[in-house]
Amino acid sequence: MSKFADETAEMLNEIALNGFTDDQYGSVDEHGWFGLILEHKAIITEDSQGFFDYGIFDTAQIARDQFNQIVSSLESLDQE
């Protein structure tokens, strides 16, 4: 069960649950799950404890760039 800090977090989670992420990476069982929602310029994440968090960016491109950095960093950790 997810734990939400506010209404925006709940709304973004609902979008993700309905399959409307533009990209996603990871698993709650590993480093956490990350989703990209370009329409809302947001990156969302959920950990193994069910805690849900998000970041909102000024543009969709900035959100995409940040998401790509997260993925790159996690892939580097997995290769160690």
N, C-alpha and C. Protein backbone atom coordinates (compact mmCIF):
# COMPACT_ATOMS: atom_id res chain seq x y z
N MET A 1 0.84 -1.18 0.00
CA MET A 1 0.00 0.00 0.00
C MET A 1 0.88 1.23 0.00
N SER A 2 0.61 2.14 -0.89
CA SER A 2 1.42 3.35 -1.02
C SER A 2 1.08 4.37 0.05
N LYS A 3 2.06 5.17 0.37
CA LYS A 3 1.89 6.24 1.35
C LYS A 3 2.16 7.56 0.65
N PHE A 4 1.23 8.48 0.72
CA PHE A 4 1.32 9.72 -0.03
C PHE A 4 1.48 10.93 0.88
N ALA A 5 2.32 11.85 0.43
CA ALA A 5 2.56 13.06 1.20
C ALA A 5 1.45 14.10 0.99
N ASP A 6 0.85 14.11 -0.22
CA ASP A 6 -0.16 15.12 -0.52
C ASP A 6 -1.03 14.67 -1.69
N GLU A 7 -1.96 15.53 -2.09
CA GLU A 7 -2.90 15.20 -3.16
C GLU A 7 -2.20 15.06 -4.51
N THR A 8 -1.15 15.83 -4.75
CA THR A 8 -0.41 15.72 -6.00
C THR A 8 0.20 14.33 -6.11
N ALA A 9 0.76 13.84 -5.02
CA ALA A 9 1.35 12.50 -5.02
C ALA A 9 0.28 11.45 -5.34
N GLU A 10 -0.89 11.58 -4.75
CA GLU A 10 -1.97 10.63 -5.04
C GLU A 10 -2.38 10.68 -6.50
N MET A 11 -2.49 11.90 -7.06
CA MET A 11 -2.88 12.06 -8.45
C MET A 11 -1.84 11.43 -9.39
N LEU A 12 -0.56 11.68 -9.14
CA LEU A 12 0.50 11.12 -9.98
C LEU A 12 0.54 9.59 -9.86
N ASN A 13 0.30 9.07 -8.68
CA ASN A 13 0.25 7.62 -8.50
C ASN A 13 -0.89 7.03 -9.31
N GLU A 14 -2.03 7.67 -9.29
CA GLU A 14 -3.19 7.19 -10.04
C GLU A 14 -2.87 7.16 -11.55
N ILE A 15 -2.19 8.17 -12.04
CA ILE A 15 -1.78 8.21 -13.45
C ILE A 15 -0.89 7.01 -13.76
N ALA A 16 0.07 6.76 -12.89
CA ALA A 16 1.00 5.64 -13.10
C ALA A 16 0.27 4.31 -13.05
N LEU A 17 -0.63 4.15 -12.10
CA LEU A 17 -1.38 2.89 -11.97
C LEU A 17 -2.23 2.61 -13.20
N ASN A 18 -2.66 3.67 -13.87
CA ASN A 18 -3.47 3.51 -15.08
C ASN A 18 -2.61 3.33 -16.33
N GLY A 19 -1.30 3.21 -16.14
CA GLY A 19 -0.41 2.92 -17.26
C GLY A 19 0.00 4.11 -18.10
N PHE A 20 -0.07 5.29 -17.55
CA PHE A 20 0.21 6.49 -18.33
C PHE A 20 1.57 7.11 -18.05
N THR A 21 2.56 6.29 -17.69
CA THR A 21 3.92 6.81 -17.58
C THR A 21 4.55 6.77 -18.96
N ASP A 22 5.40 7.74 -19.24
CA ASP A 22 6.10 7.78 -20.52
C ASP A 22 7.31 6.87 -20.52
N ASP A 23 7.82 6.61 -19.34
CA ASP A 23 8.97 5.73 -19.19
C ASP A 23 9.00 5.27 -17.74
N GLN A 24 9.65 4.15 -17.49
CA GLN A 24 9.79 3.67 -16.12
C GLN A 24 11.05 2.82 -16.01
N TYR A 25 11.53 2.71 -14.78
CA TYR A 25 12.76 1.96 -14.56
C TYR A 25 12.78 1.44 -13.13
N GLY A 26 13.34 0.26 -12.96
CA GLY A 26 13.60 -0.28 -11.63
C GLY A 26 12.47 -1.10 -11.07
N SER A 27 12.63 -1.41 -9.82
CA SER A 27 11.69 -2.25 -9.09
C SER A 27 11.70 -1.82 -7.63
N VAL A 28 10.55 -1.89 -7.00
CA VAL A 28 10.49 -1.53 -5.58
C VAL A 28 11.33 -2.48 -4.74
N ASP A 29 11.63 -3.67 -5.28
CA ASP A 29 12.43 -4.65 -4.55
C ASP A 29 13.93 -4.39 -4.63
N GLU A 30 14.34 -3.50 -5.53
CA GLU A 30 15.77 -3.22 -5.69
C GLU A 30 16.08 -1.81 -5.19
N HIS A 31 16.36 -0.89 -6.11
CA HIS A 31 16.69 0.50 -5.75
C HIS A 31 15.48 1.40 -5.70
N GLY A 32 14.32 0.84 -5.97
CA GLY A 32 13.10 1.62 -6.06
C GLY A 32 12.62 1.66 -7.50
N TRP A 33 11.35 1.99 -7.67
CA TRP A 33 10.74 2.11 -8.98
C TRP A 33 10.64 3.59 -9.32
N PHE A 34 10.98 3.95 -10.55
CA PHE A 34 10.94 5.33 -11.02
C PHE A 34 10.07 5.43 -12.26
N GLY A 35 9.22 6.42 -12.32
CA GLY A 35 8.38 6.65 -13.48
C GLY A 35 8.50 8.09 -13.95
N LEU A 36 8.34 8.28 -15.25
CA LEU A 36 8.40 9.60 -15.86
C LEU A 36 7.03 9.92 -16.44
N ILE A 37 6.47 11.07 -16.08
CA ILE A 37 5.19 11.52 -16.61
C ILE A 37 5.43 12.89 -17.24
N LEU A 38 5.66 12.89 -18.56
CA LEU A 38 6.04 14.12 -19.24
C LEU A 38 4.94 15.18 -19.23
N GLU A 39 3.68 14.76 -19.33
CA GLU A 39 2.57 15.72 -19.35
C GLU A 39 2.56 16.60 -18.10
N HIS A 40 2.98 16.02 -16.98
CA HIS A 40 3.01 16.77 -15.71
C HIS A 40 4.42 17.18 -15.31
N LYS A 41 5.37 16.92 -16.21
CA LYS A 41 6.78 17.28 -15.97
C LYS A 41 7.27 16.70 -14.64
N ALA A 42 6.95 15.43 -14.42
CA ALA A 42 7.19 14.82 -13.11
C ALA A 42 7.97 13.51 -13.22
N ILE A 43 8.76 13.27 -12.19
CA ILE A 43 9.36 11.97 -11.94
C ILE A 43 8.77 11.48 -10.63
N ILE A 44 8.31 10.22 -10.66
CA ILE A 44 7.72 9.64 -9.47
C ILE A 44 8.55 8.43 -9.06
N THR A 45 8.50 8.10 -7.78
CA THR A 45 9.24 6.94 -7.28
C THR A 45 8.49 6.28 -6.14
N GLU A 46 8.69 4.98 -6.03
CA GLU A 46 8.12 4.23 -4.92
C GLU A 46 9.17 3.25 -4.43
N ASP A 47 9.29 3.12 -3.10
CA ASP A 47 10.29 2.21 -2.54
C ASP A 47 9.62 0.94 -2.00
N SER A 48 10.44 0.05 -1.48
CA SER A 48 9.94 -1.24 -1.00
C SER A 48 9.01 -1.11 0.20
N GLN A 49 9.04 0.01 0.87
CA GLN A 49 8.16 0.26 2.01
C GLN A 49 6.81 0.83 1.59
N GLY A 50 6.66 1.11 0.28
CA GLY A 50 5.42 1.69 -0.23
C GLY A 50 5.39 3.20 -0.20
N PHE A 51 6.52 3.82 0.16
CA PHE A 51 6.56 5.28 0.17
C PHE A 51 6.69 5.81 -1.24
N PHE A 52 5.86 6.76 -1.58
CA PHE A 52 5.76 7.34 -2.90
C PHE A 52 6.25 8.78 -2.80
N ASP A 53 7.08 9.19 -3.76
CA ASP A 53 7.58 10.56 -3.78
C ASP A 53 7.60 11.03 -5.23
N TYR A 54 7.76 12.31 -5.41
CA TYR A 54 7.77 12.86 -6.76
C TYR A 54 8.56 14.15 -6.81
N GLY A 55 8.97 14.51 -8.01
CA GLY A 55 9.59 15.80 -8.28
C GLY A 55 8.94 16.39 -9.51
N ILE A 56 8.66 17.68 -9.47
CA ILE A 56 8.07 18.40 -10.59
C ILE A 56 9.15 19.34 -11.14
N PHE A 57 9.29 19.38 -12.45
CA PHE A 57 10.35 20.15 -13.10
C PHE A 57 9.75 21.27 -13.96
N ASP A 58 10.59 22.22 -14.33
CA ASP A 58 10.12 23.39 -15.10
C ASP A 58 9.65 23.01 -16.50
N THR A 59 10.30 22.03 -17.10
CA THR A 59 9.92 21.60 -18.45
C THR A 59 9.95 20.08 -18.52
N ALA A 60 9.26 19.55 -19.54
CA ALA A 60 9.28 18.11 -19.77
C ALA A 60 10.68 17.64 -20.13
N GLN A 61 11.45 18.48 -20.84
CA GLN A 61 12.81 18.09 -21.21
C GLN A 61 13.71 17.97 -19.99
N ILE A 62 13.56 18.86 -19.05
CA ILE A 62 14.34 18.76 -17.81
C ILE A 62 13.96 17.50 -17.06
N ALA A 63 12.68 17.19 -17.00
CA ALA A 63 12.23 15.96 -16.34
C ALA A 63 12.84 14.74 -17.03
N ARG A 64 12.81 14.72 -18.37
CA ARG A 64 13.40 13.61 -19.13
C ARG A 64 14.89 13.49 -18.84
N ASP A 65 15.60 14.62 -18.85
CA ASP A 65 17.05 14.60 -18.59
C ASP A 65 17.35 14.07 -17.19
N GLN A 66 16.59 14.49 -16.20
CA GLN A 66 16.79 14.02 -14.83
C GLN A 66 16.48 12.52 -14.73
N PHE A 67 15.42 12.09 -15.38
CA PHE A 67 15.08 10.67 -15.38
C PHE A 67 16.21 9.85 -15.98
N ASN A 68 16.75 10.32 -17.10
CA ASN A 68 17.86 9.61 -17.76
C ASN A 68 19.08 9.54 -16.85
N GLN A 69 19.34 10.60 -16.07
CA GLN A 69 20.46 10.59 -15.12
C GLN A 69 20.22 9.56 -14.02
N ILE A 70 19.00 9.47 -13.52
CA ILE A 70 18.67 8.49 -12.49
C ILE A 70 18.91 7.08 -13.02
N VAL A 71 18.40 6.81 -14.21
CA VAL A 71 18.56 5.49 -14.82
C VAL A 71 20.03 5.16 -15.00
N SER A 72 20.79 6.11 -15.51
CA SER A 72 22.22 5.90 -15.73
C SER A 72 22.94 5.59 -14.41
N SER A 73 22.61 6.33 -13.37
CA SER A 73 23.23 6.12 -12.05
C SER A 73 22.88 4.73 -11.50
N LEU A 74 21.63 4.33 -11.63
CA LEU A 74 21.21 3.03 -11.11
C LEU A 74 21.82 1.89 -11.92
N GLU A 75 21.93 2.07 -13.22
CA GLU A 75 22.59 1.05 -14.05
C GLU A 75 24.05 0.90 -13.65
N SER A 76 24.71 2.00 -13.31
CA SER A 76 26.10 1.94 -12.86
C SER A 76 26.22 1.17 -11.54
N LEU A 77 25.27 1.39 -10.62
CA LEU A 77 25.28 0.65 -9.35
C LEU A 77 25.08 -0.83 -9.58
N ASP A 78 24.20 -1.17 -10.51
CA ASP A 78 23.93 -2.59 -10.78
C ASP A 78 25.11 -3.30 -11.40
N GLN A 79 26.02 -2.57 -12.04
CA GLN A 79 27.17 -3.17 -12.69
C GLN A 79 28.34 -3.36 -11.74
N GLU A 80 28.25 -2.77 -10.57
CA GLU A 80 29.35 -2.88 -9.59
C GLU A 80 29.36 -4.23 -8.92
